[in-house]
Amino acid sequence: MRFLKCKNGKISKFLFAGAALLLTVSQFLTPGVALADGPRFNDVQGDYQLIRGTNKTRNDSTWQNPVSGNAGDEFSAIVYYHNGVLNTTANDVRIKVNLPSQTTNKSALITASISADNAPTVTDTIVGGQIVGSHGLRVNLDQDADITFVPGSTKWFSDVTYADKPAGPLLFGQDGSELFSTGGLKIGNIAGCWEHIGYVSFRFKTSAKTVTAPKFTIDKFVRNVTVNEANFIKYNDAKPTDILEYKIAFANTGNASASNVYLTDVIPTNTAYVAGSTRLFLGNTATSLPDKITGNDGLNIGTLEAGQSGYLLFRVKIASGVANGEILVNTATLIFNKEKISATARTKVVVTPVTPGQPDTGPGLPETGAGTILLSTLAAAGAIIFLKYNQIRTKMKMLSKTL
């Protein structure tokens, strides 16, 4: 696409003879070339909107406003400028962009301005009192996101007489980040003519918005103090009147601290809290706490920083007369604001501990003593009689064969 060029030549001195003559002669001037005492930006028929954009991730090929996409997409934006007053020069022109750091309600508005030492600052392209397009560049996403400038992406296209003109170097050793500074990006002096229109482009990327909030985990364990269990486990055995010690392990795995964190515990039926047994461990520090862990409101353990963990210990005693096989369920709950998370540990009551028995060896051996000797004698006599009987029987068979 080629842009109109300004006509060469001077405006006749007769234009200043009177307003009527000025109006007549001005009809023959090049359309879109304004007459004024000083330079002005983006106020001539045919000027583009001040700032537009495109979704680079989607490979959109046209500049538009608004632009849309998903959190994670990358976008390009372009700021257009045109000093529309012929035979004037805008001195020390600066372009500035306000790039929000994040969206609000899944949307963000990027605004830009053009200023010069001898020209009024403009924040929109306004022709005939009407904004061309809309104010700023609206970015609409599928979810809230953080927005960041892509370093090194700022480019300056000056004196654009055709659309595919390559970008020129930034002036004064600038790296492009000045576009978002208080002073803005300096592009030097800009003459008034269509031949000197230009634009500054940059890229920005979006990413799913980082949520800053605490997040908690909790777990529950038990051990039988009476029988000197060394380790805390999720499930154990005990008998009536044994003392159990419970451990509530917790952690703030979020990225923000939390104050007024509460722990409460519903101890099992047929158990009683052991007064003064509650102790809190945060890091290497142990603190004895009031006997409120079993209360309805729980126990305030104070502030948990992001990434901090700890645990709480307390004891209960099992009542006498608890039935064999009863399961004692203990439930601990961590409370922060209105959020509650819980964990449990269990104990099985064993009234008569089962000990391994001896293997069955069958009928017992005969008693020893006189009775044993008599039985042995009779058995030996019987064996002799049985032997004699067999010998006699054999001889009788041999005699019958002889006869």
Protein backbone atom coordinates (compact mmCIF):
# COMPACT_ATOMS: atom_id res chain seq x y z
CA MET A 1 0.00 0.00 0.00
CA ARG A 2 1.37 3.44 -0.92
CA PHE A 3 0.48 6.61 0.90
CA LEU A 4 -0.28 10.02 -0.65
CA LYS A 5 2.66 12.34 -1.07
CA CYS A 6 2.55 16.01 -0.27
CA LYS A 7 2.62 18.34 -3.27
CA ASN A 8 5.65 20.48 -3.83
CA GLY A 9 5.26 24.22 -4.07
CA LYS A 10 4.43 27.11 -1.84
CA ILE A 11 1.10 28.44 -0.77
CA SER A 12 0.39 31.69 -2.56
CA LYS A 13 0.75 34.86 -0.52
CA PHE A 14 -2.65 35.87 -1.87
CA LEU A 15 -4.23 33.29 0.43
CA PHE A 16 -3.72 35.75 3.22
CA ALA A 17 -5.69 38.52 1.49
CA GLY A 18 -8.88 37.52 3.20
CA ALA A 19 -10.83 34.66 4.66
CA ALA A 20 -13.05 34.31 1.60
CA LEU A 21 -10.11 34.03 -0.77
CA LEU A 22 -8.43 31.54 1.64
CA LEU A 23 -11.49 29.33 1.56
CA THR A 24 -11.63 29.39 -2.24
CA VAL A 25 -7.98 28.64 -2.87
CA SER A 26 -7.78 25.97 -0.14
CA GLN A 27 -10.10 23.79 -2.20
CA PHE A 28 -7.24 23.20 -4.64
CA LEU A 29 -4.79 22.02 -1.98
CA THR A 30 -3.95 18.38 -1.55
CA PRO A 31 -6.74 16.66 0.43
CA GLY A 32 -5.75 15.77 3.94
CA VAL A 33 -3.07 18.49 4.31
CA ALA A 34 -4.07 20.78 7.16
CA LEU A 35 -3.23 24.45 7.51
CA ALA A 36 -2.15 25.67 10.94
CA ASP A 37 0.49 27.64 12.74
CA GLY A 38 2.20 24.58 14.24
CA PRO A 39 2.42 20.80 13.92
CA ARG A 40 -0.42 18.56 15.02
CA PHE A 41 -0.69 14.77 15.12
CA ASN A 42 -3.36 12.36 13.92
CA ASP A 43 -6.16 14.77 13.08
CA VAL A 44 -6.45 14.50 9.30
CA GLN A 45 -9.03 12.57 7.31
CA GLY A 46 -7.43 9.22 6.41
CA ASP A 47 -5.35 8.89 9.56
CA TYR A 48 -5.38 5.51 11.25
CA GLN A 49 -6.40 4.81 14.82
CA LEU A 50 -3.61 5.69 17.27
CA ILE A 51 -3.04 2.12 18.56
CA ARG A 52 -4.09 -1.27 17.23
CA GLY A 53 -3.00 -4.86 17.75
CA THR A 54 -2.85 -8.41 16.46
CA ASN A 55 -2.61 -11.89 18.00
CA LYS A 56 0.83 -13.24 17.05
CA THR A 57 0.14 -16.69 18.50
CA ARG A 58 -2.82 -17.10 16.16
CA ASN A 59 -0.87 -15.59 13.26
CA ASP A 60 -3.52 -12.92 12.72
CA SER A 61 -2.45 -10.79 9.77
CA THR A 62 -4.50 -7.59 10.26
CA TRP A 63 -4.20 -4.83 12.81
CA GLN A 64 -7.41 -4.51 14.76
CA ASN A 65 -9.05 -3.30 17.93
CA PRO A 66 -10.04 -5.03 20.12
CA VAL A 67 -7.84 -8.13 20.03
CA SER A 68 -8.70 -11.42 21.72
CA GLY A 69 -7.05 -14.69 22.69
CA ASN A 70 -6.15 -17.02 25.51
CA ALA A 71 -3.95 -16.51 28.53
CA GLY A 72 -0.51 -17.49 27.25
CA ASP A 73 -0.89 -15.87 23.82
CA GLU A 74 1.57 -13.28 22.51
CA PHE A 75 0.39 -10.08 20.83
CA SER A 76 1.82 -7.24 18.75
CA ALA A 77 0.73 -3.60 18.98
CA ILE A 78 1.36 -0.67 16.67
CA VAL A 79 1.28 3.07 17.49
CA TYR A 80 0.63 5.25 14.43
CA TYR A 81 1.73 8.88 14.06
CA HIS A 82 1.30 11.59 11.41
CA ASN A 83 2.11 15.27 11.60
CA GLY A 84 -0.62 16.47 9.29
CA VAL A 85 0.44 20.11 9.02
CA LEU A 86 2.43 20.84 5.88
CA ASN A 87 5.69 22.79 6.14
CA THR A 88 5.96 22.28 9.89
CA THR A 89 8.27 20.17 12.01
CA ALA A 90 7.40 18.63 15.35
CA ASN A 91 10.47 18.80 17.57
CA ASP A 92 11.66 16.04 19.91
CA VAL A 93 8.67 13.74 19.34
CA ARG A 94 8.05 11.13 22.03
CA ILE A 95 5.75 8.12 22.02
CA LYS A 96 4.65 6.62 25.30
CA VAL A 97 2.60 3.46 26.03
CA ASN A 98 0.83 2.48 29.22
CA LEU A 99 0.93 -1.34 29.40
CA PRO A 100 -1.08 -2.78 32.34
CA SER A 101 0.64 -5.52 34.33
CA GLN A 102 -2.46 -7.71 34.42
CA THR A 103 -6.04 -7.99 33.24
CA THR A 104 -9.14 -7.18 35.24
CA ASN A 105 -12.21 -9.27 34.59
CA LYS A 106 -10.24 -10.97 31.76
CA SER A 107 -9.64 -7.67 29.95
CA ALA A 108 -7.03 -4.91 29.73
CA LEU A 109 -6.81 -1.51 28.04
CA ILE A 110 -3.47 -0.41 26.55
CA THR A 111 -3.21 3.32 25.90
CA ALA A 112 -0.65 5.44 24.05
CA SER A 113 0.24 9.09 23.57
CA ILE A 114 2.26 11.25 21.14
CA SER A 115 3.88 14.45 22.31
CA ALA A 116 6.41 17.01 21.06
CA ASP A 117 8.04 20.19 22.33
CA ASN A 118 5.97 22.32 19.96
CA ALA A 119 2.82 20.22 19.44
CA PRO A 120 -0.11 19.30 21.67
CA THR A 121 -0.11 15.80 23.15
CA VAL A 122 -2.64 13.43 21.62
CA THR A 123 -3.99 10.20 23.13
CA ASP A 124 -6.26 9.26 20.22
CA THR A 125 -6.63 9.92 16.52
CA ILE A 126 -9.40 12.52 16.37
CA VAL A 127 -10.81 13.73 13.07
CA GLY A 128 -13.66 16.21 12.97
CA GLY A 129 -14.11 15.91 16.72
CA GLN A 130 -14.61 12.12 16.60
CA ILE A 131 -12.22 9.40 17.79
CA VAL A 132 -11.13 7.15 14.93
CA GLY A 133 -11.83 3.61 16.13
CA SER A 134 -11.92 3.63 19.93
CA HIS A 135 -9.78 4.86 22.79
CA GLY A 136 -6.82 2.60 23.49
CA LEU A 137 -6.27 -1.02 22.51
CA ARG A 138 -8.62 -3.45 24.26
CA VAL A 139 -7.26 -6.97 24.96
CA ASN A 140 -9.84 -9.65 25.83
CA LEU A 141 -8.74 -13.07 27.16
CA ASP A 142 -10.39 -16.30 28.24
CA GLN A 143 -9.13 -15.81 31.82
CA ASP A 144 -7.29 -13.26 33.87
CA ALA A 145 -3.59 -13.06 33.07
CA ASP A 146 -0.37 -11.21 33.76
CA ILE A 147 0.91 -8.97 30.92
CA THR A 148 4.61 -8.36 30.21
CA PHE A 149 6.56 -6.53 27.52
CA VAL A 150 8.77 -8.71 25.33
CA PRO A 151 12.26 -7.16 25.70
CA GLY A 152 13.92 -6.16 22.45
CA SER A 153 10.68 -6.22 20.48
CA THR A 154 10.29 -2.46 19.97
CA LYS A 155 10.70 -1.38 16.33
CA TRP A 156 10.47 2.01 14.65
CA PHE A 157 9.23 2.41 11.09
CA SER A 158 9.81 5.99 9.93
CA ASP A 159 8.84 7.82 6.73
CA VAL A 160 6.66 4.91 5.63
CA THR A 161 5.80 5.46 1.97
CA TYR A 162 5.06 1.77 1.47
CA ALA A 163 3.83 -0.91 3.83
CA ASP A 164 6.79 -3.31 3.71
CA LYS A 165 9.52 -0.81 4.52
CA PRO A 166 11.93 -2.36 7.04
CA ALA A 167 12.35 -0.95 10.51
CA GLY A 168 15.10 1.53 11.18
CA PRO A 169 17.41 1.71 14.20
CA LEU A 170 16.21 3.30 17.41
CA LEU A 171 17.71 6.73 18.06
CA PHE A 172 19.94 7.86 20.92
CA GLY A 173 21.03 4.35 21.89
CA GLN A 174 17.59 3.42 23.17
CA ASP A 175 16.67 -0.26 23.63
CA GLY A 176 12.90 0.13 23.27
CA SER A 177 11.94 -0.22 26.92
CA GLU A 178 11.79 3.60 27.04
CA LEU A 179 8.43 3.26 25.31
CA PHE A 180 6.94 2.45 28.74
CA SER A 181 8.89 5.02 30.74
CA THR A 182 7.81 8.43 31.97
CA GLY A 183 9.74 10.19 29.22
CA GLY A 184 8.66 7.85 26.43
CA LEU A 185 10.54 6.66 23.34
CA LYS A 186 12.25 9.50 21.46
CA ILE A 187 11.92 9.44 17.66
CA GLY A 188 13.45 12.85 16.90
CA ASN A 189 11.88 15.57 14.71
CA ILE A 190 8.94 14.71 12.46
CA ALA A 191 8.10 16.83 9.41
CA GLY A 192 4.52 17.49 8.40
CA CYS A 193 3.53 15.43 5.41
CA TRP A 194 2.04 12.08 4.46
CA GLU A 195 5.52 11.03 3.37
CA HIS A 196 6.69 11.23 7.00
CA ILE A 197 4.05 9.12 8.65
CA GLY A 198 5.34 6.20 10.69
CA TYR A 199 4.67 3.90 13.57
CA VAL A 200 6.29 2.16 16.52
CA SER A 201 5.52 -1.50 17.19
CA PHE A 202 6.15 -3.77 20.18
CA ARG A 203 5.14 -7.19 21.45
CA PHE A 204 3.69 -8.27 24.76
CA LYS A 205 2.90 -11.70 26.17
CA THR A 206 0.24 -12.91 28.54
CA SER A 207 0.40 -15.67 31.12
CA ALA A 208 -2.13 -17.15 33.50
CA LYS A 209 -2.44 -14.77 36.40
CA THR A 210 -0.45 -15.75 39.47
CA VAL A 211 -2.79 -16.19 42.42
CA THR A 212 -1.27 -15.10 45.71
CA ALA A 213 -2.87 -17.01 48.55
CA PRO A 214 -2.07 -19.42 51.37
CA LYS A 215 -2.80 -23.12 50.87
CA PHE A 216 -2.84 -25.80 53.55
CA THR A 217 -2.27 -29.51 54.08
CA ILE A 218 -3.02 -31.51 57.24
CA ASP A 219 -2.46 -35.08 58.41
CA LYS A 220 -3.13 -37.01 61.63
CA PHE A 221 -1.17 -39.77 63.42
CA VAL A 222 -1.30 -41.69 66.72
CA ARG A 223 0.98 -43.73 68.98
CA ASN A 224 0.40 -45.72 72.20
CA VAL A 225 2.44 -44.07 74.93
CA THR A 226 1.62 -46.75 77.51
CA VAL A 227 3.36 -49.50 75.55
CA ASN A 228 6.15 -47.13 74.43
CA GLU A 229 5.31 -47.05 70.73
CA ALA A 230 8.12 -45.04 69.16
CA ASN A 231 6.56 -44.07 65.83
CA PHE A 232 3.41 -42.20 64.97
CA ILE A 233 1.19 -44.21 62.63
CA LYS A 234 -2.28 -43.93 61.12
CA TYR A 235 -3.74 -47.04 62.80
CA ASN A 236 -2.72 -48.82 66.02
CA ASP A 237 -4.01 -51.01 68.88
CA ALA A 238 -4.53 -50.21 72.55
CA LYS A 239 -6.33 -51.53 75.59
CA PRO A 240 -8.57 -49.74 78.08
CA THR A 241 -6.78 -47.14 80.30
CA ASP A 242 -3.89 -46.80 77.81
CA ILE A 243 -2.70 -43.29 76.98
CA LEU A 244 -2.62 -42.27 73.31
CA GLU A 245 -0.65 -39.36 71.87
CA TYR A 246 -1.92 -37.67 68.71
CA LYS A 247 0.15 -35.73 66.19
CA ILE A 248 -1.41 -33.15 63.86
CA ALA A 249 1.00 -32.31 61.03
CA PHE A 250 0.26 -29.21 58.92
CA ALA A 251 1.89 -26.97 56.30
CA ASN A 252 1.23 -23.78 54.36
CA THR A 253 2.12 -24.78 50.80
CA GLY A 254 0.79 -21.55 49.26
CA ASN A 255 2.65 -18.39 48.25
CA ALA A 256 1.27 -16.05 50.93
CA SER A 257 1.30 -16.02 54.73
CA ALA A 258 -1.81 -16.73 56.80
CA SER A 259 -2.65 -15.33 60.23
CA ASN A 260 -5.15 -16.61 62.79
CA VAL A 261 -4.86 -20.25 61.78
CA TYR A 262 -6.88 -22.54 64.06
CA LEU A 263 -6.63 -26.23 64.89
CA THR A 264 -9.42 -28.15 66.55
CA ASP A 265 -9.79 -31.83 67.36
CA VAL A 266 -12.77 -34.06 68.06
CA ILE A 267 -11.43 -36.74 70.40
CA PRO A 268 -13.06 -40.18 70.29
CA THR A 269 -15.90 -41.25 72.56
CA ASN A 270 -14.64 -43.16 75.61
CA THR A 271 -11.46 -41.09 75.78
CA ALA A 272 -10.53 -38.10 77.93
CA TYR A 273 -8.11 -35.27 77.15
CA VAL A 274 -4.96 -35.28 79.30
CA ALA A 275 -4.73 -31.79 80.75
CA GLY A 276 -1.61 -29.78 79.85
CA SER A 277 -0.48 -32.15 77.10
CA THR A 278 -0.81 -29.78 74.11
CA ARG A 279 2.48 -28.69 72.56
CA LEU A 280 3.12 -26.82 69.30
CA PHE A 281 6.25 -27.33 67.19
CA LEU A 282 7.17 -24.75 64.52
CA GLY A 283 10.64 -25.38 63.17
CA ASN A 284 12.85 -26.15 66.14
CA THR A 285 10.69 -24.22 68.58
CA ALA A 286 8.33 -26.04 70.97
CA THR A 287 5.56 -24.13 72.73
CA SER A 288 3.06 -25.33 75.34
CA LEU A 289 -0.44 -24.15 74.52
CA PRO A 290 -3.71 -23.80 76.44
CA ASP A 291 -6.08 -26.75 76.65
CA LYS A 292 -8.33 -25.56 73.81
CA ILE A 293 -7.60 -28.08 71.10
CA THR A 294 -10.79 -30.01 71.85
CA GLY A 295 -12.98 -26.91 72.13
CA ASN A 296 -15.55 -25.86 69.57
CA ASP A 297 -13.54 -22.82 68.47
CA GLY A 298 -10.25 -24.68 68.45
CA LEU A 299 -6.80 -23.37 69.22
CA ASN A 300 -5.20 -20.35 67.50
CA ILE A 301 -1.69 -21.39 66.44
CA GLY A 302 -0.89 -17.91 65.07
CA THR A 303 0.67 -17.08 61.69
CA LEU A 304 1.99 -19.55 59.13
CA GLU A 305 4.36 -18.10 56.57
CA ALA A 306 4.37 -19.35 52.98
CA GLY A 307 6.18 -22.69 52.91
CA GLN A 308 6.15 -23.08 56.70
CA SER A 309 5.20 -26.39 58.34
CA GLY A 310 4.81 -27.71 61.88
CA TYR A 311 2.93 -30.12 64.10
CA LEU A 312 0.95 -30.24 67.32
CA LEU A 313 0.92 -32.99 69.97
CA PHE A 314 -1.62 -33.82 72.67
CA ARG A 315 -2.75 -36.88 74.64
CA VAL A 316 -5.93 -38.69 75.62
CA LYS A 317 -6.61 -41.60 77.99
CA ILE A 318 -8.87 -44.49 77.00
CA ALA A 319 -11.66 -45.17 79.51
CA SER A 320 -11.92 -48.50 81.29
CA GLY A 321 -14.67 -50.82 80.16
CA VAL A 322 -14.38 -50.05 76.45
CA ALA A 323 -15.59 -53.02 74.42
CA ASN A 324 -13.10 -55.29 72.73
CA GLY A 325 -12.75 -54.43 69.02
CA GLU A 326 -14.14 -50.89 69.28
CA ILE A 327 -12.52 -48.41 66.84
CA LEU A 328 -11.60 -45.02 68.27
CA VAL A 329 -11.61 -42.42 65.47
CA ASN A 330 -9.87 -39.11 66.07
CA THR A 331 -10.48 -36.19 63.68
CA ALA A 332 -8.38 -33.01 63.47
CA THR A 333 -9.43 -29.92 61.51
CA LEU A 334 -7.44 -26.90 60.34
CA ILE A 335 -9.48 -23.71 59.96
CA PHE A 336 -8.47 -20.56 58.06
CA ASN A 337 -11.12 -17.94 57.34
CA LYS A 338 -14.00 -20.15 56.22
CA GLU A 339 -11.86 -22.93 54.79
CA LYS A 340 -11.70 -26.23 56.70
CA ILE A 341 -9.62 -29.34 55.99
CA SER A 342 -9.54 -32.48 58.15
CA ALA A 343 -7.58 -35.68 58.75
CA THR A 344 -8.13 -38.77 60.94
CA ALA A 345 -6.25 -41.48 62.86
CA ARG A 346 -7.73 -44.72 64.30
CA THR A 347 -7.10 -46.99 67.28
CA LYS A 348 -8.55 -50.48 67.78
CA VAL A 349 -9.33 -51.50 71.37
CA VAL A 350 -8.03 -54.96 72.27
CA VAL A 351 -9.24 -56.02 75.72
CA THR A 352 -7.40 -59.41 75.84
CA PRO A 353 -4.24 -59.30 73.82
CA VAL A 354 -3.84 -62.44 71.71
CA THR A 355 -0.53 -64.23 72.25
CA PRO A 356 0.69 -66.90 69.86
CA GLY A 357 -0.17 -70.49 71.20
CA GLN A 358 1.93 -73.63 71.07
CA PRO A 359 1.29 -75.99 68.13
CA ASP A 360 -1.00 -78.97 68.76
CA THR A 361 1.21 -82.04 69.52
CA GLY A 362 -1.62 -84.67 69.62
CA PRO A 363 -2.27 -87.17 72.48
CA GLY A 364 0.10 -86.96 75.41
CA LEU A 365 2.78 -89.54 76.09
CA PRO A 366 2.04 -92.35 78.67
CA GLU A 367 2.88 -91.61 82.23
CA THR A 368 6.21 -92.95 83.56
CA GLY A 369 6.70 -95.12 86.69
CA ALA A 370 5.41 -98.65 87.74
CA GLY A 371 2.47 -98.54 85.38
CA THR A 372 4.80 -97.96 82.50
CA ILE A 373 7.03 -100.93 83.44
CA LEU A 374 3.99 -103.26 83.70
CA LEU A 375 2.71 -102.24 80.30
CA SER A 376 6.12 -102.79 78.79
CA THR A 377 6.39 -106.29 80.34
CA LEU A 378 2.95 -107.35 79.10
CA ALA A 379 3.76 -106.12 75.64
CA ALA A 380 6.98 -108.13 75.58
CA ALA A 381 5.19 -111.29 76.78
CA GLY A 382 2.55 -110.88 74.13
CA ALA A 383 5.20 -110.62 71.48
CA ILE A 384 6.82 -113.89 72.65
CA ILE A 385 3.47 -115.71 72.69
CA PHE A 386 2.71 -114.41 69.17
CA LEU A 387 6.11 -115.69 67.99
CA LYS A 388 5.60 -119.18 69.50
CA TYR A 389 2.14 -119.37 67.91
CA ASN A 390 3.57 -118.68 64.47
CA GLN A 391 6.29 -121.32 64.96
CA ILE A 392 3.76 -124.04 65.98
CA ARG A 393 1.51 -123.10 63.05
CA THR A 394 4.37 -123.48 60.60
CA LYS A 395 5.30 -126.97 61.94
CA MET A 396 1.68 -128.16 61.68
CA LYS A 397 1.56 -127.13 58.00
CA MET A 398 4.75 -129.06 57.24
CA LEU A 399 3.44 -132.23 59.04
CA SER A 400 0.19 -132.21 57.04
CA LYS A 401 2.13 -132.13 53.79
CA THR A 402 4.19 -135.16 54.91
CA LEU A 403 1.09 -137.19 55.74
